[in-house]
Amino acid sequence: MSFSVEVEELCLIIRSTGERGEDGHVSVTFRQLFETYVTISNKVVGILLRARKHGLVHFEGEMLWQGKDDDVIITLLE
């Protein structure tokens, strides 16, 4: 799977599982995303980092860890 396909798929998952906030952006917690995405790929954190680098998503912190960061909000920016 190419980089762009993985990032596109990640954004689709956020869009379909997240909730739209008052600002119009769709957000999910890391736990929600991880639980949904783990059946598709175990590379979710790496894909999230690439998506953030390209300005597609936002979340606090440098790295996300399952368990510790379950409540971190991931926001789709596109």
PDB file of N, CA and C in Angstrom:
ATOM      1  N   MET A   1       0.858  -1.176   0.000  1.00  0.00           N
ATOM      2  CA  MET A   1       0.000   0.000   0.000  1.00  0.00           C
ATOM      3  C   MET A   1       0.899   1.232   0.000  1.00  0.00           C
ATOM      4  N   SER A   2       0.637   2.164  -0.884  1.00  0.00           N
ATOM      5  CA  SER A   2       1.491   3.346  -0.966  1.00  0.00           C
ATOM      6  C   SER A   2       1.164   4.340   0.145  1.00  0.00           C
ATOM      7  N   PHE A   3       2.083   5.267   0.374  1.00  0.00           N
ATOM      8  CA  PHE A   3       1.916   6.278   1.423  1.00  0.00           C
ATOM      9  C   PHE A   3       0.603   7.025   1.252  1.00  0.00           C
ATOM     10  N   SER A   4       0.328   7.513   0.058  1.00  0.00           N
ATOM     11  CA  SER A   4      -0.865   8.335  -0.135  1.00  0.00           C
ATOM     12  C   SER A   4      -2.143   7.523   0.084  1.00  0.00           C
ATOM     13  N   VAL A   5      -2.135   6.269  -0.292  1.00  0.00           N
ATOM     14  CA  VAL A   5      -3.307   5.417  -0.084  1.00  0.00           C
ATOM     15  C   VAL A   5      -3.521   5.181   1.407  1.00  0.00           C
ATOM     16  N   GLU A   6      -2.453   4.939   2.147  1.00  0.00           N
ATOM     17  CA  GLU A   6      -2.566   4.727   3.594  1.00  0.00           C
ATOM     18  C   GLU A   6      -3.102   5.963   4.297  1.00  0.00           C
ATOM     19  N   VAL A   7      -2.576   7.131   3.961  1.00  0.00           N
ATOM     20  CA  VAL A   7      -3.012   8.378   4.594  1.00  0.00           C
ATOM     21  C   VAL A   7      -4.461   8.667   4.212  1.00  0.00           C
ATOM     22  N   GLU A   8      -4.807   8.445   2.950  1.00  0.00           N
ATOM     23  CA  GLU A   8      -6.183   8.645   2.492  1.00  0.00           C
ATOM     24  C   GLU A   8      -7.138   7.729   3.260  1.00  0.00           C
ATOM     25  N   GLU A   9      -6.748   6.478   3.435  1.00  0.00           N
ATOM     26  CA  GLU A   9      -7.570   5.518   4.177  1.00  0.00           C
ATOM     27  C   GLU A   9      -7.732   5.955   5.631  1.00  0.00           C
ATOM     28  N   LEU A  10      -6.648   6.429   6.244  1.00  0.00           N
ATOM     29  CA  LEU A  10      -6.704   6.916   7.621  1.00  0.00           C
ATOM     30  C   LEU A  10      -7.702   8.069   7.736  1.00  0.00           C
ATOM     31  N   CYS A  11      -7.643   9.016   6.825  1.00  0.00           N
ATOM     32  CA  CYS A  11      -8.565  10.158   6.846  1.00  0.00           C
ATOM     33  C   CYS A  11     -10.009   9.692   6.674  1.00  0.00           C
ATOM     34  N   LEU A  12     -10.237   8.711   5.822  1.00  0.00           N
ATOM     35  CA  LEU A  12     -11.589   8.169   5.634  1.00  0.00           C
ATOM     36  C   LEU A  12     -12.103   7.527   6.919  1.00  0.00           C
ATOM     37  N   ILE A  13     -11.239   6.811   7.613  1.00  0.00           N
ATOM     38  CA  ILE A  13     -11.636   6.169   8.866  1.00  0.00           C
ATOM     39  C   ILE A  13     -11.977   7.222   9.917  1.00  0.00           C
ATOM     40  N   ILE A  14     -11.155   8.269  10.020  1.00  0.00           N
ATOM     41  CA  ILE A  14     -11.448   9.347  10.966  1.00  0.00           C
ATOM     42  C   ILE A  14     -12.789   9.985  10.611  1.00  0.00           C
ATOM     43  N   ARG A  15     -12.991  10.250   9.333  1.00  0.00           N
ATOM     44  CA  ARG A  15     -14.229  10.886   8.881  1.00  0.00           C
ATOM     45  C   ARG A  15     -15.448  10.011   9.196  1.00  0.00           C
ATOM     46  N   SER A  16     -15.317   8.698   9.028  1.00  0.00           N
ATOM     47  CA  SER A  16     -16.480   7.817   9.218  1.00  0.00           C
ATOM     48  C   SER A  16     -16.733   7.448  10.676  1.00  0.00           C
ATOM     49  N   THR A  17     -15.714   7.483  11.531  1.00  0.00           N
ATOM     50  CA  THR A  17     -15.906   7.085  12.930  1.00  0.00           C
ATOM     51  C   THR A  17     -15.950   8.259  13.891  1.00  0.00           C
ATOM     52  N   GLY A  18     -15.490   9.420  13.443  1.00  0.00           N
ATOM     53  CA  GLY A  18     -15.396  10.580  14.328  1.00  0.00           C
ATOM     54  C   GLY A  18     -16.685  11.367  14.429  1.00  0.00           C
ATOM     55  N   GLU A  19     -16.612  12.432  15.216  1.00  0.00           N
ATOM     56  CA  GLU A  19     -17.740  13.333  15.403  1.00  0.00           C
ATOM     57  C   GLU A  19     -17.331  14.729  14.950  1.00  0.00           C
ATOM     58  N   ARG A  20     -18.249  15.406  14.272  1.00  0.00           N
ATOM     59  CA  ARG A  20     -17.982  16.764  13.800  1.00  0.00           C
ATOM     60  C   ARG A  20     -18.199  17.744  14.947  1.00  0.00           C
ATOM     61  N   GLY A  21     -17.193  18.561  15.203  1.00  0.00           N
ATOM     62  CA  GLY A  21     -17.264  19.546  16.272  1.00  0.00           C
ATOM     63  C   GLY A  21     -17.877  20.845  15.791  1.00  0.00           C
ATOM     64  N   GLU A  22     -18.038  21.781  16.708  1.00  0.00           N
ATOM     65  CA  GLU A  22     -18.608  23.090  16.378  1.00  0.00           C
ATOM     66  C   GLU A  22     -17.767  23.835  15.351  1.00  0.00           C
ATOM     67  N   ASP A  23     -16.467  23.541  15.325  1.00  0.00           N
ATOM     68  CA  ASP A  23     -15.582  24.196  14.356  1.00  0.00           C
ATOM     69  C   ASP A  23     -15.665  23.571  12.967  1.00  0.00           C
ATOM     70  N   GLY A  24     -16.468  22.510  12.826  1.00  0.00           N
ATOM     71  CA  GLY A  24     -16.629  21.850  11.538  1.00  0.00           C
ATOM     72  C   GLY A  24     -15.651  20.722  11.283  1.00  0.00           C
ATOM     73  N   HIS A  25     -14.646  20.583  12.143  1.00  0.00           N
ATOM     74  CA  HIS A  25     -13.660  19.512  11.980  1.00  0.00           C
ATOM     75  C   HIS A  25     -14.143  18.223  12.629  1.00  0.00           C
ATOM     76  N   VAL A  26     -13.769  17.104  12.051  1.00  0.00           N
ATOM     77  CA  VAL A  26     -14.107  15.785  12.589  1.00  0.00           C
ATOM     78  C   VAL A  26     -12.972  15.314  13.485  1.00  0.00           C
ATOM     79  N   SER A  27     -13.316  14.804  14.679  1.00  0.00           N
ATOM     80  CA  SER A  27     -12.304  14.347  15.636  1.00  0.00           C
ATOM     81  C   SER A  27     -12.658  12.978  16.189  1.00  0.00           C
ATOM     82  N   VAL A  28     -11.617  12.227  16.556  1.00  0.00           N
ATOM     83  CA  VAL A  28     -11.760  10.939  17.248  1.00  0.00           C
ATOM     84  C   VAL A  28     -10.694  10.888  18.328  1.00  0.00           C
ATOM     85  N   THR A  29     -10.875  10.022  19.316  1.00  0.00           N
ATOM     86  CA  THR A  29      -9.798   9.783  20.270  1.00  0.00           C
ATOM     87  C   THR A  29      -8.839   8.768  19.658  1.00  0.00           C
ATOM     88  N   PHE A  30      -7.625   8.756  20.162  1.00  0.00           N
ATOM     89  CA  PHE A  30      -6.655   7.773  19.690  1.00  0.00           C
ATOM     90  C   PHE A  30      -7.185   6.364  19.925  1.00  0.00           C
ATOM     91  N   ARG A  31      -7.835   6.124  21.061  1.00  0.00           N
ATOM     92  CA  ARG A  31      -8.385   4.803  21.350  1.00  0.00           C
ATOM     93  C   ARG A  31      -9.389   4.382  20.278  1.00  0.00           C
ATOM     94  N   GLN A  32     -10.330   5.289  19.937  1.00  0.00           N
ATOM     95  CA  GLN A  32     -11.323   4.971  18.908  1.00  0.00           C
ATOM     96  C   GLN A  32     -10.632   4.620  17.595  1.00  0.00           C
ATOM     97  N   LEU A  33      -9.678   5.457  17.223  1.00  0.00           N
ATOM     98  CA  LEU A  33      -8.985   5.243  15.964  1.00  0.00           C
ATOM     99  C   LEU A  33      -8.195   3.946  15.995  1.00  0.00           C
ATOM    100  N   PHE A  34      -7.474   3.701  17.074  1.00  0.00           N
ATOM    101  CA  PHE A  34      -6.653   2.496  17.179  1.00  0.00           C
ATOM    102  C   PHE A  34      -7.524   1.248  17.105  1.00  0.00           C
ATOM    103  N   GLU A  35      -8.636   1.238  17.852  1.00  0.00           N
ATOM    104  CA  GLU A  35      -9.503   0.058  17.867  1.00  0.00           C
ATOM    105  C   GLU A  35     -10.120  -0.205  16.500  1.00  0.00           C
ATOM    106  N   THR A  36     -10.448   0.848  15.770  1.00  0.00           N
ATOM    107  CA  THR A  36     -11.005   0.687  14.427  1.00  0.00           C
ATOM    108  C   THR A  36      -9.927   0.274  13.448  1.00  0.00           C
ATOM    109  N   TYR A  37      -8.790   0.915  13.542  1.00  0.00           N
ATOM    110  CA  TYR A  37      -7.731   0.753  12.547  1.00  0.00           C
ATOM    111  C   TYR A  37      -6.904  -0.505  12.738  1.00  0.00           C
ATOM    112  N   VAL A  38      -6.834  -1.033  13.961  1.00  0.00           N
ATOM    113  CA  VAL A  38      -5.952  -2.173  14.237  1.00  0.00           C
ATOM    114  C   VAL A  38      -6.309  -3.385  13.380  1.00  0.00           C
ATOM    115  N   THR A  39      -7.550  -3.500  12.987  1.00  0.00           N
ATOM    116  CA  THR A  39      -7.928  -4.627  12.131  1.00  0.00           C
ATOM    117  C   THR A  39      -7.430  -4.436  10.708  1.00  0.00           C
ATOM    118  N   ILE A  40      -7.093  -3.193  10.352  1.00  0.00           N
ATOM    119  CA  ILE A  40      -6.647  -2.893   8.998  1.00  0.00           C
ATOM    120  C   ILE A  40      -5.120  -2.864   8.910  1.00  0.00           C
ATOM    121  N   SER A  41      -4.481  -2.230   9.887  1.00  0.00           N
ATOM    122  CA  SER A  41      -3.032  -2.078   9.840  1.00  0.00           C
ATOM    123  C   SER A  41      -2.476  -1.825  11.228  1.00  0.00           C
ATOM    124  N   ASN A  42      -1.313  -2.386  11.507  1.00  0.00           N
ATOM    125  CA  ASN A  42      -0.666  -2.126  12.787  1.00  0.00           C
ATOM    126  C   ASN A  42       0.275  -0.932  12.696  1.00  0.00           C
ATOM    127  N   LYS A  43       0.220  -0.187  11.593  1.00  0.00           N
ATOM    128  CA  LYS A  43       1.104   0.953  11.374  1.00  0.00           C
ATOM    129  C   LYS A  43       0.400   2.278  11.620  1.00  0.00           C
ATOM    130  N   VAL A  44      -0.691   2.275  12.382  1.00  0.00           N
ATOM    131  CA  VAL A  44      -1.515   3.475  12.535  1.00  0.00           C
ATOM    132  C   VAL A  44      -0.731   4.673  13.053  1.00  0.00           C
ATOM    133  N   VAL A  45       0.168   4.496  14.002  1.00  0.00           N
ATOM    134  CA  VAL A  45       0.905   5.631  14.564  1.00  0.00           C
ATOM    135  C   VAL A  45       1.815   6.257  13.510  1.00  0.00           C
ATOM    136  N   GLY A  46       2.515   5.439  12.770  1.00  0.00           N
ATOM    137  CA  GLY A  46       3.384   5.959  11.711  1.00  0.00           C
ATOM    138  C   GLY A  46       2.606   6.703  10.648  1.00  0.00           C
ATOM    139  N   ILE A  47       1.448   6.190  10.292  1.00  0.00           N
ATOM    140  CA  ILE A  47       0.608   6.846   9.290  1.00  0.00           C
ATOM    141  C   ILE A  47       0.072   8.165   9.850  1.00  0.00           C
ATOM    142  N   LEU A  48      -0.318   8.162  11.137  1.00  0.00           N
ATOM    143  CA  LEU A  48      -0.776   9.406  11.779  1.00  0.00           C
ATOM    144  C   LEU A  48       0.317  10.470  11.749  1.00  0.00           C
ATOM    145  N   LEU A  49       1.547  10.085  12.054  1.00  0.00           N
ATOM    146  CA  LEU A  49       2.654  11.039  12.050  1.00  0.00           C
ATOM    147  C   LEU A  49       2.881  11.616  10.658  1.00  0.00           C
ATOM    148  N   ARG A  50       2.786  10.782   9.627  1.00  0.00           N
ATOM    149  CA  ARG A  50       2.939  11.267   8.247  1.00  0.00           C
ATOM    150  C   ARG A  50       1.787  12.186   7.863  1.00  0.00           C
ATOM    151  N   ALA A  51       0.563  11.817   8.273  1.00  0.00           N
ATOM    152  CA  ALA A  51      -0.603  12.645   7.962  1.00  0.00           C
ATOM    153  C   ALA A  51      -0.472  14.016   8.633  1.00  0.00           C
ATOM    154  N   ARG A  52       0.043  14.038   9.867  1.00  0.00           N
ATOM    155  CA  ARG A  52       0.239  15.318  10.563  1.00  0.00           C
ATOM    156  C   ARG A  52       1.303  16.148   9.850  1.00  0.00           C
ATOM    157  N   LYS A  53       2.374  15.511   9.425  1.00  0.00           N
ATOM    158  CA  LYS A  53       3.448  16.216   8.718  1.00  0.00           C
ATOM    159  C   LYS A  53       2.917  16.905   7.462  1.00  0.00           C
ATOM    160  N   HIS A  54       1.918  16.307   6.839  1.00  0.00           N
ATOM    161  CA  HIS A  54       1.334  16.866   5.621  1.00  0.00           C
ATOM    162  C   HIS A  54       0.135  17.769   5.906  1.00  0.00           C
ATOM    163  N   GLY A  55      -0.111  18.075   7.189  1.00  0.00           N
ATOM    164  CA  GLY A  55      -1.159  19.017   7.550  1.00  0.00           C
ATOM    165  C   GLY A  55      -2.572  18.490   7.449  1.00  0.00           C
ATOM    166  N   LEU A  56      -2.727  17.161   7.475  1.00  0.00           N
ATOM    167  CA  LEU A  56      -4.059  16.570   7.331  1.00  0.00           C
ATOM    168  C   LEU A  56      -4.742  16.307   8.664  1.00  0.00           C
ATOM    169  N   VAL A  57      -3.969  16.076   9.712  1.00  0.00           N
ATOM    170  CA  VAL A  57      -4.525  15.826  11.042  1.00  0.00           C
ATOM    171  C   VAL A  57      -3.735  16.619  12.079  1.00  0.00           C
ATOM    172  N   HIS A  58      -4.363  16.793  13.252  1.00  0.00           N
ATOM    173  CA  HIS A  58      -3.687  17.452  14.369  1.00  0.00           C
ATOM    174  C   HIS A  58      -3.922  16.641  15.631  1.00  0.00           C
ATOM    175  N   PHE A  59      -2.881  16.514  16.447  1.00  0.00           N
ATOM    176  CA  PHE A  59      -3.001  15.948  17.790  1.00  0.00           C
ATOM    177  C   PHE A  59      -1.837  16.464  18.608  1.00  0.00           C
ATOM    178  N   GLU A  60      -2.035  16.486  19.925  1.00  0.00           N
ATOM    179  CA  GLU A  60      -1.000  16.968  20.839  1.00  0.00           C
ATOM    180  C   GLU A  60       0.032  15.880  21.079  1.00  0.00           C
ATOM    181  N   GLY A  61       1.273  16.288  21.288  1.00  0.00           N
ATOM    182  CA  GLY A  61       2.347  15.357  21.604  1.00  0.00           C
ATOM    183  C   GLY A  61       3.143  14.960  20.376  1.00  0.00           C
ATOM    184  N   GLU A  62       4.315  14.408  20.651  1.00  0.00           N
ATOM    185  CA  GLU A  62       5.200  13.979  19.572  1.00  0.00           C
ATOM    186  C   GLU A  62       4.877  12.579  19.074  1.00  0.00           C
ATOM    187  N   MET A  63       4.468  11.699  20.000  1.00  0.00           N
ATOM    188  CA  MET A  63       4.219  10.292  19.682  1.00  0.00           C
ATOM    189  C   MET A  63       2.974   9.859  20.437  1.00  0.00           C
ATOM    190  N   LEU A  64       2.275   8.859  19.920  1.00  0.00           N
ATOM    191  CA  LEU A  64       1.097   8.315  20.596  1.00  0.00           C
ATOM    192  C   LEU A  64       1.369   6.866  20.985  1.00  0.00           C
ATOM    193  N   TRP A  65       0.967   6.522  22.202  1.00  0.00           N
ATOM    194  CA  TRP A  65       1.178   5.176  22.721  1.00  0.00           C
ATOM    195  C   TRP A  65      -0.161   4.577  23.142  1.00  0.00           C
ATOM    196  N   GLN A  66      -0.405   3.350  22.727  1.00  0.00           N
ATOM    197  CA  GLN A  66      -1.644   2.671  23.111  1.00  0.00           C
ATOM    198  C   GLN A  66      -1.688   2.566  24.631  1.00  0.00           C
ATOM    199  N   GLY A  67      -2.846   2.847  25.209  1.00  0.00           N
ATOM    200  CA  GLY A  67      -3.006   2.832  26.658  1.00  0.00           C
ATOM    201  C   GLY A  67      -2.765   4.206  27.232  1.00  0.00           C
ATOM    202  N   LYS A  68      -1.550   4.698  27.151  1.00  0.00           N
ATOM    203  CA  LYS A  68      -1.190   6.001  27.715  1.00  0.00           C
ATOM    204  C   LYS A  68      -1.915   7.159  27.033  1.00  0.00           C
ATOM    205  N   ASP A  69      -2.074   7.096  25.738  1.00  0.00           N
ATOM    206  CA  ASP A  69      -2.622   8.215  24.970  1.00  0.00           C
ATOM    207  C   ASP A  69      -4.022   7.944  24.409  1.00  0.00           C
ATOM    208  N   ASP A  70      -4.748   7.011  25.009  1.00  0.00           N
ATOM    209  CA  ASP A  70      -6.057   6.634  24.488  1.00  0.00           C
ATOM    210  C   ASP A  70      -7.029   7.803  24.375  1.00  0.00           C
ATOM    211  N   ASP A  71      -6.899   8.820  25.237  1.00  0.00           N
ATOM    212  CA  ASP A  71      -7.841   9.936  25.235  1.00  0.00           C
ATOM    213  C   ASP A  71      -7.372  11.142  24.426  1.00  0.00           C
ATOM    214  N   VAL A  72      -6.237  11.018  23.753  1.00  0.00           N
ATOM    215  CA  VAL A  72      -5.754  12.113  22.905  1.00  0.00           C
ATOM    216  C   VAL A  72      -6.717  12.277  21.729  1.00  0.00           C
ATOM    217  N   ILE A  73      -7.109  13.514  21.472  1.00  0.00           N
ATOM    218  CA  ILE A  73      -8.023  13.814  20.374  1.00  0.00           C
ATOM    219  C   ILE A  73      -7.227  13.999  19.084  1.00  0.00           C
ATOM    220  N   ILE A  74      -7.657  13.311  18.031  1.00  0.00           N
ATOM    221  CA  ILE A  74      -7.061  13.436  16.699  1.00  0.00           C
ATOM    222  C   ILE A  74      -8.101  14.130  15.837  1.00  0.00           C
ATOM    223  N   THR A  75      -7.716  15.256  15.259  1.00  0.00           N
ATOM    224  CA  THR A  75      -8.644  16.069  14.474  1.00  0.00           C
ATOM    225  C   THR A  75      -8.246  16.064  13.014  1.00  0.00           C
ATOM    226  N   LEU A  76      -9.207  15.789  12.154  1.00  0.00           N
ATOM    227  CA  LEU A  76      -9.012  15.827  10.720  1.00  0.00           C
ATOM    228  C   LEU A  76      -9.098  17.276  10.282  1.00  0.00           C
ATOM    229  N   LEU A  77      -8.080  17.774   9.591  1.00  0.00           N
ATOM    230  CA  LEU A  77      -8.010  19.183   9.235  1.00  0.00           C
ATOM    231  C   LEU A  77      -8.482  19.488   7.826  1.00  0.00           C
ATOM    232  N   GLU A  78      -8.674  18.499   7.009  1.00  0.00           N
ATOM    233  CA  GLU A  78      -9.080  18.765   5.624  1.00  0.00           C
ATOM    234  C   GLU A  78     -10.563  18.908   5.481  1.00  0.00           C
TER     235      GLU A  78
END
